[in-house]
């Protein structure tokens, strides 16, 4: 990947500032099981990971499609995690 690693640090700092000073991430549940800043860090890391993936794939998907995927991944949470069966 030929991208400048500093750009990801700058994106991370910008998003963290936005989500702690301008916007609020919220979930449908009223329970506060996850510390807010940890939740923000989790979502920012996921977004940066998707951007890195897109770059590694040589931008093989349109920006519109990537936006749709990010929105879907943000709004549709997994309900559970299962393990994959391993070959003996």
PDB file of N, CA and C in Angstrom:
ATOM      1  N   UNK A   1       0.854  -1.167   0.000  1.00  0.00           N
ATOM      2  CA  UNK A   1       0.000   0.000   0.000  1.00  0.00           C
ATOM      3  C   UNK A   1       0.902   1.234   0.000  1.00  0.00           C
ATOM      4  N   UNK A   2       0.725   2.094  -0.972  1.00  0.00           N
ATOM      5  CA  UNK A   2       1.573   3.263  -1.128  1.00  0.00           C
ATOM      6  C   UNK A   2       1.012   4.509  -0.465  1.00  0.00           C
ATOM      7  N   UNK A   3       0.037   4.355   0.400  1.00  0.00           N
ATOM      8  CA  UNK A   3      -0.562   5.524   1.035  1.00  0.00           C
ATOM      9  C   UNK A   3       0.343   6.033   2.154  1.00  0.00           C
ATOM     10  N   UNK A   4       0.153   7.257   2.501  1.00  0.00           N
ATOM     11  CA  UNK A   4       0.907   7.879   3.562  1.00  0.00           C
ATOM     12  C   UNK A   4       0.299   7.481   4.904  1.00  0.00           C
ATOM     13  N   UNK A   5       1.049   6.769   5.764  1.00  0.00           N
ATOM     14  CA  UNK A   5       0.471   6.318   7.039  1.00  0.00           C
ATOM     15  C   UNK A   5       0.003   7.484   7.907  1.00  0.00           C
ATOM     16  N   UNK A   6       0.639   8.638   7.753  1.00  0.00           N
ATOM     17  CA  UNK A   6       0.257   9.803   8.527  1.00  0.00           C
ATOM     18  C   UNK A   6      -1.181  10.225   8.247  1.00  0.00           C
ATOM     19  N   UNK A   7      -1.654   9.985   7.047  1.00  0.00           N
ATOM     20  CA  UNK A   7      -3.035  10.371   6.714  1.00  0.00           C
ATOM     21  C   UNK A   7      -4.037   9.607   7.580  1.00  0.00           C
ATOM     22  N   UNK A   8      -3.729   8.358   7.897  1.00  0.00           N
ATOM     23  CA  UNK A   8      -4.642   7.581   8.740  1.00  0.00           C
ATOM     24  C   UNK A   8      -4.659   8.115  10.168  1.00  0.00           C
ATOM     25  N   UNK A   9      -3.510   8.558  10.657  1.00  0.00           N
ATOM     26  CA  UNK A   9      -3.459   9.182  11.981  1.00  0.00           C
ATOM     27  C   UNK A   9      -4.284  10.467  11.990  1.00  0.00           C
ATOM     28  N   UNK A  10      -4.176  11.240  10.927  1.00  0.00           N
ATOM     29  CA  UNK A  10      -4.927  12.494  10.840  1.00  0.00           C
ATOM     30  C   UNK A  10      -6.432  12.224  10.747  1.00  0.00           C
ATOM     31  N   UNK A  11      -6.821  11.212   9.961  1.00  0.00           N
ATOM     32  CA  UNK A  11      -8.243  10.845   9.868  1.00  0.00           C
ATOM     33  C   UNK A  11      -8.748  10.391  11.239  1.00  0.00           C
ATOM     34  N   UNK A  12      -7.953   9.555  11.909  1.00  0.00           N
ATOM     35  CA  UNK A  12      -8.341   9.064  13.225  1.00  0.00           C
ATOM     36  C   UNK A  12      -8.527  10.219  14.212  1.00  0.00           C
ATOM     37  N   UNK A  13      -7.590  11.151  14.238  1.00  0.00           N
ATOM     38  CA  UNK A  13      -7.693  12.298  15.143  1.00  0.00           C
ATOM     39  C   UNK A  13      -8.922  13.146  14.826  1.00  0.00           C
ATOM     40  N   UNK A  14      -9.155  13.383  13.540  1.00  0.00           N
ATOM     41  CA  UNK A  14     -10.311  14.189  13.127  1.00  0.00           C
ATOM     42  C   UNK A  14     -11.623  13.518  13.535  1.00  0.00           C
ATOM     43  N   UNK A  15     -11.750  12.221  13.234  1.00  0.00           N
ATOM     44  CA  UNK A  15     -12.987  11.513  13.573  1.00  0.00           C
ATOM     45  C   UNK A  15     -13.196  11.438  15.080  1.00  0.00           C
ATOM     46  N   UNK A  16     -12.112  11.216  15.831  1.00  0.00           N
ATOM     47  CA  UNK A  16     -12.247  11.155  17.292  1.00  0.00           C
ATOM     48  C   UNK A  16     -12.732  12.503  17.824  1.00  0.00           C
ATOM     49  N   UNK A  17     -12.183  13.573  17.289  1.00  0.00           N
ATOM     50  CA  UNK A  17     -12.621  14.905  17.700  1.00  0.00           C
ATOM     51  C   UNK A  17     -14.093  15.126  17.353  1.00  0.00           C
ATOM     52  N   UNK A  18     -14.491  14.739  16.147  1.00  0.00           N
ATOM     53  CA  UNK A  18     -15.888  14.907  15.740  1.00  0.00           C
ATOM     54  C   UNK A  18     -16.835  14.124  16.644  1.00  0.00           C
ATOM     55  N   UNK A  19     -16.488  12.852  16.929  1.00  0.00           N
ATOM     56  CA  UNK A  19     -17.390  11.996  17.705  1.00  0.00           C
ATOM     57  C   UNK A  19     -17.341  12.248  19.205  1.00  0.00           C
ATOM     58  N   UNK A  20     -16.405  13.066  19.654  1.00  0.00           N
ATOM     59  CA  UNK A  20     -16.406  13.411  21.076  1.00  0.00           C
ATOM     60  C   UNK A  20     -16.820  14.856  21.317  1.00  0.00           C
ATOM     61  N   UNK A  21     -16.814  15.679  20.251  1.00  0.00           N
ATOM     62  CA  UNK A  21     -17.146  17.090  20.440  1.00  0.00           C
ATOM     63  C   UNK A  21     -18.342  17.565  19.615  1.00  0.00           C
ATOM     64  N   UNK A  22     -18.608  16.926  18.473  1.00  0.00           N
ATOM     65  CA  UNK A  22     -19.657  17.410  17.579  1.00  0.00           C
ATOM     66  C   UNK A  22     -20.844  16.454  17.438  1.00  0.00           C
ATOM     67  N   UNK A  23     -20.574  15.160  17.403  1.00  0.00           N
ATOM     68  CA  UNK A  23     -21.601  14.146  17.193  1.00  0.00           C
ATOM     69  C   UNK A  23     -21.660  13.204  18.381  1.00  0.00           C
ATOM     70  N   UNK A  24     -22.735  12.429  18.436  1.00  0.00           N
ATOM     71  CA  UNK A  24     -22.872  11.416  19.476  1.00  0.00           C
ATOM     72  C   UNK A  24     -23.256  10.107  18.813  1.00  0.00           C
ATOM     73  N   UNK A  25     -22.465   9.061  19.043  1.00  0.00           N
ATOM     74  CA  UNK A  25     -22.827   7.716  18.601  1.00  0.00           C
ATOM     75  C   UNK A  25     -23.794   7.151  19.633  1.00  0.00           C
ATOM     76  N   UNK A  26     -24.873   6.552  19.167  1.00  0.00           N
ATOM     77  CA  UNK A  26     -25.814   5.968  20.120  1.00  0.00           C
ATOM     78  C   UNK A  26     -26.296   4.619  19.605  1.00  0.00           C
ATOM     79  N   UNK A  27     -26.721   3.800  20.534  1.00  0.00           N
ATOM     80  CA  UNK A  27     -27.271   2.488  20.215  1.00  0.00           C
ATOM     81  C   UNK A  27     -28.723   2.464  20.662  1.00  0.00           C
ATOM     82  N   UNK A  28     -29.484   1.520  20.118  1.00  0.00           N
ATOM     83  CA  UNK A  28     -30.907   1.449  20.449  1.00  0.00           C
ATOM     84  C   UNK A  28     -31.165   1.007  21.884  1.00  0.00           C
ATOM     85  N   UNK A  29     -30.203   0.374  22.492  1.00  0.00           N
ATOM     86  CA  UNK A  29     -30.380  -0.077  23.866  1.00  0.00           C
ATOM     87  C   UNK A  29     -30.074   1.063  24.831  1.00  0.00           C
ATOM     88  N   UNK A  30     -30.741   1.078  25.946  1.00  0.00           N
ATOM     89  CA  UNK A  30     -30.495   2.124  26.938  1.00  0.00           C
ATOM     90  C   UNK A  30     -29.347   1.749  27.872  1.00  0.00           C
ATOM     91  N   UNK A  31     -28.894   0.508  27.792  1.00  0.00           N
ATOM     92  CA  UNK A  31     -27.808   0.059  28.649  1.00  0.00           C
ATOM     93  C   UNK A  31     -26.493   0.692  28.210  1.00  0.00           C
ATOM     94  N   UNK A  32     -25.710   1.100  29.177  1.00  0.00           N
ATOM     95  CA  UNK A  32     -24.405   1.689  28.900  1.00  0.00           C
ATOM     96  C   UNK A  32     -23.322   0.650  29.197  1.00  0.00           C
ATOM     97  N   UNK A  33     -23.277  -0.410  28.388  1.00  0.00           N
ATOM     98  CA  UNK A  33     -22.319  -1.486  28.623  1.00  0.00           C
ATOM     99  C   UNK A  33     -20.921  -1.150  28.117  1.00  0.00           C
ATOM    100  N   UNK A  34     -20.838  -0.279  27.136  1.00  0.00           N
ATOM    101  CA  UNK A  34     -19.562   0.039  26.514  1.00  0.00           C
ATOM    102  C   UNK A  34     -19.239   1.499  26.784  1.00  0.00           C
ATOM    103  N   UNK A  35     -18.052   1.738  27.314  1.00  0.00           N
ATOM    104  CA  UNK A  35     -17.589   3.107  27.551  1.00  0.00           C
ATOM    105  C   UNK A  35     -17.613   3.867  26.222  1.00  0.00           C
ATOM    106  N   UNK A  36     -18.117   5.097  26.250  1.00  0.00           N
ATOM    107  CA  UNK A  36     -18.342   5.852  25.005  1.00  0.00           C
ATOM    108  C   UNK A  36     -17.076   5.996  24.169  1.00  0.00           C
ATOM    109  N   UNK A  37     -15.969   6.407  24.767  1.00  0.00           N
ATOM    110  CA  UNK A  37     -14.750   6.637  23.979  1.00  0.00           C
ATOM    111  C   UNK A  37     -14.177   5.333  23.424  1.00  0.00           C
ATOM    112  N   UNK A  38     -14.372   4.221  24.119  1.00  0.00           N
ATOM    113  CA  UNK A  38     -13.956   2.918  23.591  1.00  0.00           C
ATOM    114  C   UNK A  38     -14.811   2.567  22.383  1.00  0.00           C
ATOM    115  N   UNK A  39     -16.100   2.844  22.450  1.00  0.00           N
ATOM    116  CA  UNK A  39     -17.000   2.607  21.323  1.00  0.00           C
ATOM    117  C   UNK A  39     -16.591   3.465  20.125  1.00  0.00           C
ATOM    118  N   UNK A  40     -16.274   4.723  20.367  1.00  0.00           N
ATOM    119  CA  UNK A  40     -15.821   5.616  19.298  1.00  0.00           C
ATOM    120  C   UNK A  40     -14.539   5.073  18.675  1.00  0.00           C
ATOM    121  N   UNK A  41     -13.584   4.691  19.501  1.00  0.00           N
ATOM    122  CA  UNK A  41     -12.307   4.163  18.993  1.00  0.00           C
ATOM    123  C   UNK A  41     -12.533   2.905  18.151  1.00  0.00           C
ATOM    124  N   UNK A  42     -13.444   2.050  18.581  1.00  0.00           N
ATOM    125  CA  UNK A  42     -13.758   0.828  17.849  1.00  0.00           C
ATOM    126  C   UNK A  42     -14.284   1.161  16.451  1.00  0.00           C
ATOM    127  N   UNK A  43     -15.245   2.064  16.370  1.00  0.00           N
ATOM    128  CA  UNK A  43     -15.853   2.413  15.081  1.00  0.00           C
ATOM    129  C   UNK A  43     -14.867   3.143  14.163  1.00  0.00           C
ATOM    130  N   UNK A  44     -14.042   4.007  14.728  1.00  0.00           N
ATOM    131  CA  UNK A  44     -13.041   4.707  13.917  1.00  0.00           C
ATOM    132  C   UNK A  44     -12.032   3.715  13.361  1.00  0.00           C
ATOM    133  N   UNK A  45     -11.574   2.790  14.181  1.00  0.00           N
ATOM    134  CA  UNK A  45     -10.616   1.780  13.718  1.00  0.00           C
ATOM    135  C   UNK A  45     -11.207   0.928  12.605  1.00  0.00           C
ATOM    136  N   UNK A  46     -12.476   0.579  12.749  1.00  0.00           N
ATOM    137  CA  UNK A  46     -13.146  -0.211  11.711  1.00  0.00           C
ATOM    138  C   UNK A  46     -13.212   0.573  10.403  1.00  0.00           C
ATOM    139  N   UNK A  47     -13.578   1.841  10.476  1.00  0.00           N
ATOM    140  CA  UNK A  47     -13.671   2.662   9.272  1.00  0.00           C
ATOM    141  C   UNK A  47     -12.313   2.807   8.594  1.00  0.00           C
ATOM    142  N   UNK A  48     -11.275   3.059   9.374  1.00  0.00           N
ATOM    143  CA  UNK A  48      -9.934   3.186   8.795  1.00  0.00           C
ATOM    144  C   UNK A  48      -9.494   1.858   8.186  1.00  0.00           C
ATOM    145  N   UNK A  49      -9.848   0.762   8.823  1.00  0.00           N
ATOM    146  CA  UNK A  49      -9.535  -0.550   8.265  1.00  0.00           C
ATOM    147  C   UNK A  49     -10.216  -0.780   6.923  1.00  0.00           C
ATOM    148  N   UNK A  50     -11.457  -0.338   6.794  1.00  0.00           N
ATOM    149  CA  UNK A  50     -12.179  -0.470   5.520  1.00  0.00           C
ATOM    150  C   UNK A  50     -11.524   0.404   4.447  1.00  0.00           C
ATOM    151  N   UNK A  51     -11.127   1.600   4.819  1.00  0.00           N
ATOM    152  CA  UNK A  51     -10.447   2.480   3.862  1.00  0.00           C
ATOM    153  C   UNK A  51      -9.144   1.842   3.393  1.00  0.00           C
ATOM    154  N   UNK A  52      -8.377   1.271   4.315  1.00  0.00           N
ATOM    155  CA  UNK A  52      -7.123   0.593   3.944  1.00  0.00           C
ATOM    156  C   UNK A  52      -7.402  -0.592   3.021  1.00  0.00           C
ATOM    157  N   UNK A  53      -8.437  -1.359   3.327  1.00  0.00           N
ATOM    158  CA  UNK A  53      -8.820  -2.482   2.475  1.00  0.00           C
ATOM    159  C   UNK A  53      -9.126  -1.993   1.063  1.00  0.00           C
ATOM    160  N   UNK A  54      -9.892  -0.916   0.963  1.00  0.00           N
ATOM    161  CA  UNK A  54     -10.285  -0.363  -0.336  1.00  0.00           C
ATOM    162  C   UNK A  54      -9.054   0.059  -1.130  1.00  0.00           C
ATOM    163  N   UNK A  55      -8.109   0.673  -0.458  1.00  0.00           N
ATOM    164  CA  UNK A  55      -6.855   1.071  -1.124  1.00  0.00           C
ATOM    165  C   UNK A  55      -6.101  -0.162  -1.605  1.00  0.00           C
ATOM    166  N   UNK A  56      -5.985  -1.182  -0.744  1.00  0.00           N
ATOM    167  CA  UNK A  56      -5.284  -2.420  -1.122  1.00  0.00           C
ATOM    168  C   UNK A  56      -5.948  -3.112  -2.304  1.00  0.00           C
ATOM    169  N   UNK A  57      -7.266  -2.942  -2.416  1.00  0.00           N
ATOM    170  CA  UNK A  57      -8.002  -3.530  -3.536  1.00  0.00           C
ATOM    171  C   UNK A  57      -7.943  -2.633  -4.766  1.00  0.00           C
ATOM    172  N   UNK A  58      -7.098  -1.625  -4.739  1.00  0.00           N
ATOM    173  CA  UNK A  58      -6.897  -0.693  -5.849  1.00  0.00           C
ATOM    174  C   UNK A  58      -8.206  -0.001  -6.232  1.00  0.00           C
ATOM    175  N   UNK A  59      -8.982   0.362  -5.200  1.00  0.00           N
ATOM    176  CA  UNK A  59     -10.235   1.084  -5.395  1.00  0.00           C
ATOM    177  C   UNK A  59     -11.164   0.352  -6.369  1.00  0.00           C
ATOM    178  N   UNK A  60     -11.224  -0.968  -6.217  1.00  0.00           N
ATOM    179  CA  UNK A  60     -12.013  -1.775  -7.153  1.00  0.00           C
ATOM    180  C   UNK A  60     -13.524  -1.595  -6.983  1.00  0.00           C
ATOM    181  N   UNK A  61     -13.945  -0.968  -5.911  1.00  0.00           N
ATOM    182  CA  UNK A  61     -15.365  -0.674  -5.700  1.00  0.00           C
ATOM    183  C   UNK A  61     -15.572   0.829  -5.823  1.00  0.00           C
ATOM    184  N   UNK A  62     -16.753   1.233  -6.256  1.00  0.00           N
ATOM    185  CA  UNK A  62     -17.043   2.663  -6.373  1.00  0.00           C
ATOM    186  C   UNK A  62     -17.148   3.285  -4.980  1.00  0.00           C
ATOM    187  N   UNK A  63     -16.939   4.585  -4.928  1.00  0.00           N
ATOM    188  CA  UNK A  63     -17.077   5.301  -3.660  1.00  0.00           C
ATOM    189  C   UNK A  63     -18.504   5.165  -3.124  1.00  0.00           C
ATOM    190  N   UNK A  64     -19.481   5.196  -4.020  1.00  0.00           N
ATOM    191  CA  UNK A  64     -20.876   5.053  -3.620  1.00  0.00           C
ATOM    192  C   UNK A  64     -21.130   3.699  -2.957  1.00  0.00           C
ATOM    193  N   UNK A  65     -20.597   2.639  -3.559  1.00  0.00           N
ATOM    194  CA  UNK A  65     -20.762   1.299  -2.995  1.00  0.00           C
ATOM    195  C   UNK A  65     -20.082   1.209  -1.626  1.00  0.00           C
ATOM    196  N   UNK A  66     -18.897   1.772  -1.513  1.00  0.00           N
ATOM    197  CA  UNK A  66     -18.187   1.734  -0.237  1.00  0.00           C
ATOM    198  C   UNK A  66     -18.957   2.489   0.840  1.00  0.00           C
ATOM    199  N   UNK A  67     -19.556   3.619   0.483  1.00  0.00           N
ATOM    200  CA  UNK A  67     -20.378   4.360   1.443  1.00  0.00           C
ATOM    201  C   UNK A  67     -21.556   3.508   1.909  1.00  0.00           C
ATOM    202  N   UNK A  68     -22.204   2.839   0.963  1.00  0.00           N
ATOM    203  CA  UNK A  68     -23.325   1.964   1.317  1.00  0.00           C
ATOM    204  C   UNK A  68     -22.880   0.864   2.274  1.00  0.00           C
ATOM    205  N   UNK A  69     -21.718   0.284   2.010  1.00  0.00           N
ATOM    206  CA  UNK A  69     -21.209  -0.789   2.854  1.00  0.00           C
ATOM    207  C   UNK A  69     -20.871  -0.292   4.255  1.00  0.00           C
ATOM    208  N   UNK A  70     -20.262   0.871   4.346  1.00  0.00           N
ATOM    209  CA  UNK A  70     -19.921   1.433   5.653  1.00  0.00           C
ATOM    210  C   UNK A  70     -21.195   1.733   6.441  1.00  0.00           C
ATOM    211  N   UNK A  71     -22.180   2.316   5.785  1.00  0.00           N
ATOM    212  CA  UNK A  71     -23.447   2.623   6.463  1.00  0.00           C
ATOM    213  C   UNK A  71     -24.122   1.335   6.926  1.00  0.00           C
ATOM    214  N   UNK A  72     -24.149   0.320   6.073  1.00  0.00           N
ATOM    215  CA  UNK A  72     -24.768  -0.959   6.454  1.00  0.00           C
ATOM    216  C   UNK A  72     -24.041  -1.586   7.639  1.00  0.00           C
ATOM    217  N   UNK A  73     -22.714  -1.554   7.613  1.00  0.00           N
ATOM    218  CA  UNK A  73     -21.948  -2.125   8.719  1.00  0.00           C
ATOM    219  C   UNK A  73     -22.111  -1.330  10.003  1.00  0.00           C
ATOM    220  N   UNK A  74     -22.406  -0.067   9.885  1.00  0.00           N
ATOM    221  CA  UNK A  74     -22.597   0.773  11.060  1.00  0.00           C
ATOM    222  C   UNK A  74     -23.990   0.599  11.654  1.00  0.00           C
ATOM    223  N   UNK A  75     -24.970   0.401  10.805  1.00  0.00           N
ATOM    224  CA  UNK A  75     -26.351   0.355  11.285  1.00  0.00           C
ATOM    225  C   UNK A  75     -26.872  -1.052  11.554  1.00  0.00           C
ATOM    226  N   UNK A  76     -26.233  -2.058  10.991  1.00  0.00           N
ATOM    227  CA  UNK A  76     -26.668  -3.439  11.202  1.00  0.00           C
ATOM    228  C   UNK A  76     -25.615  -4.151  12.044  1.00  0.00           C
ATOM    229  N   UNK A  77     -25.919  -4.347  13.305  1.00  0.00           N
ATOM    230  CA  UNK A  77     -24.963  -4.992  14.210  1.00  0.00           C
ATOM    231  C   UNK A  77     -25.120  -6.502  14.166  1.00  0.00           C
ATOM    232  N   UNK A  78     -24.015  -7.221  14.342  1.00  0.00           N
ATOM    233  CA  UNK A  78     -24.134  -8.684  14.431  1.00  0.00           C
ATOM    234  C   UNK A  78     -24.953  -9.061  15.663  1.00  0.00           C
ATOM    235  N   UNK A  79     -25.699 -10.138  15.551  1.00  0.00           N
ATOM    236  CA  UNK A  79     -26.493 -10.581  16.689  1.00  0.00           C
ATOM    237  C   UNK A  79     -25.748 -11.605  17.535  1.00  0.00           C
ATOM    238  N   UNK A  80     -24.831 -12.327  16.925  1.00  0.00           N
ATOM    239  CA  UNK A  80     -24.020 -13.281  17.674  1.00  0.00           C
ATOM    240  C   UNK A  80     -22.820 -13.704  16.826  1.00  0.00           C
ATOM    241  N   UNK A  81     -21.871 -14.348  17.467  1.00  0.00           N
ATOM    242  CA  UNK A  81     -20.675 -14.837  16.780  1.00  0.00           C
ATOM    243  C   UNK A  81     -20.590 -16.339  16.995  1.00  0.00           C
ATOM    244  N   UNK A  82     -20.321 -17.074  15.942  1.00  0.00           N
ATOM    245  CA  UNK A  82     -20.135 -18.516  16.045  1.00  0.00           C
ATOM    246  C   UNK A  82     -18.767 -18.874  15.488  1.00  0.00           C
ATOM    247  N   UNK A  83     -18.277 -20.035  15.879  1.00  0.00           N
ATOM    248  CA  UNK A  83     -16.987 -20.484  15.364  1.00  0.00           C
ATOM    249  C   UNK A  83     -17.198 -21.297  14.086  1.00  0.00           C
ATOM    250  N   UNK A  84     -16.217 -21.252  13.231  1.00  0.00           N
ATOM    251  CA  UNK A  84     -16.268 -22.037  12.003  1.00  0.00           C
ATOM    252  C   UNK A  84     -15.789 -23.451  12.317  1.00  0.00           C
ATOM    253  N   UNK A  85     -16.360 -24.412  11.634  1.00  0.00           N
ATOM    254  CA  UNK A  85     -15.900 -25.792  11.808  1.00  0.00           C
ATOM    255  C   UNK A  85     -14.546 -25.950  11.153  1.00  0.00           C
ATOM    256  N   UNK A  86     -13.668 -26.644  11.818  1.00  0.00           N
ATOM    257  CA  UNK A  86     -12.332 -26.889  11.290  1.00  0.00           C
ATOM    258  C   UNK A  86     -12.248 -28.293  10.758  1.00  0.00           C
ATOM    259  N   UNK A  87     -11.469 -28.426   9.697  1.00  0.00           N
ATOM    260  CA  UNK A  87     -11.231 -29.781   9.172  1.00  0.00           C
ATOM    261  C   UNK A  87     -10.355 -30.556  10.150  1.00  0.00           C
ATOM    262  N   UNK A  88     -10.701 -31.833  10.371  1.00  0.00           N
ATOM    263  CA  UNK A  88      -9.895 -32.629  11.325  1.00  0.00           C
ATOM    264  C   UNK A  88      -8.502 -32.890  10.817  1.00  0.00           C
TER     265      UNK A  88
END
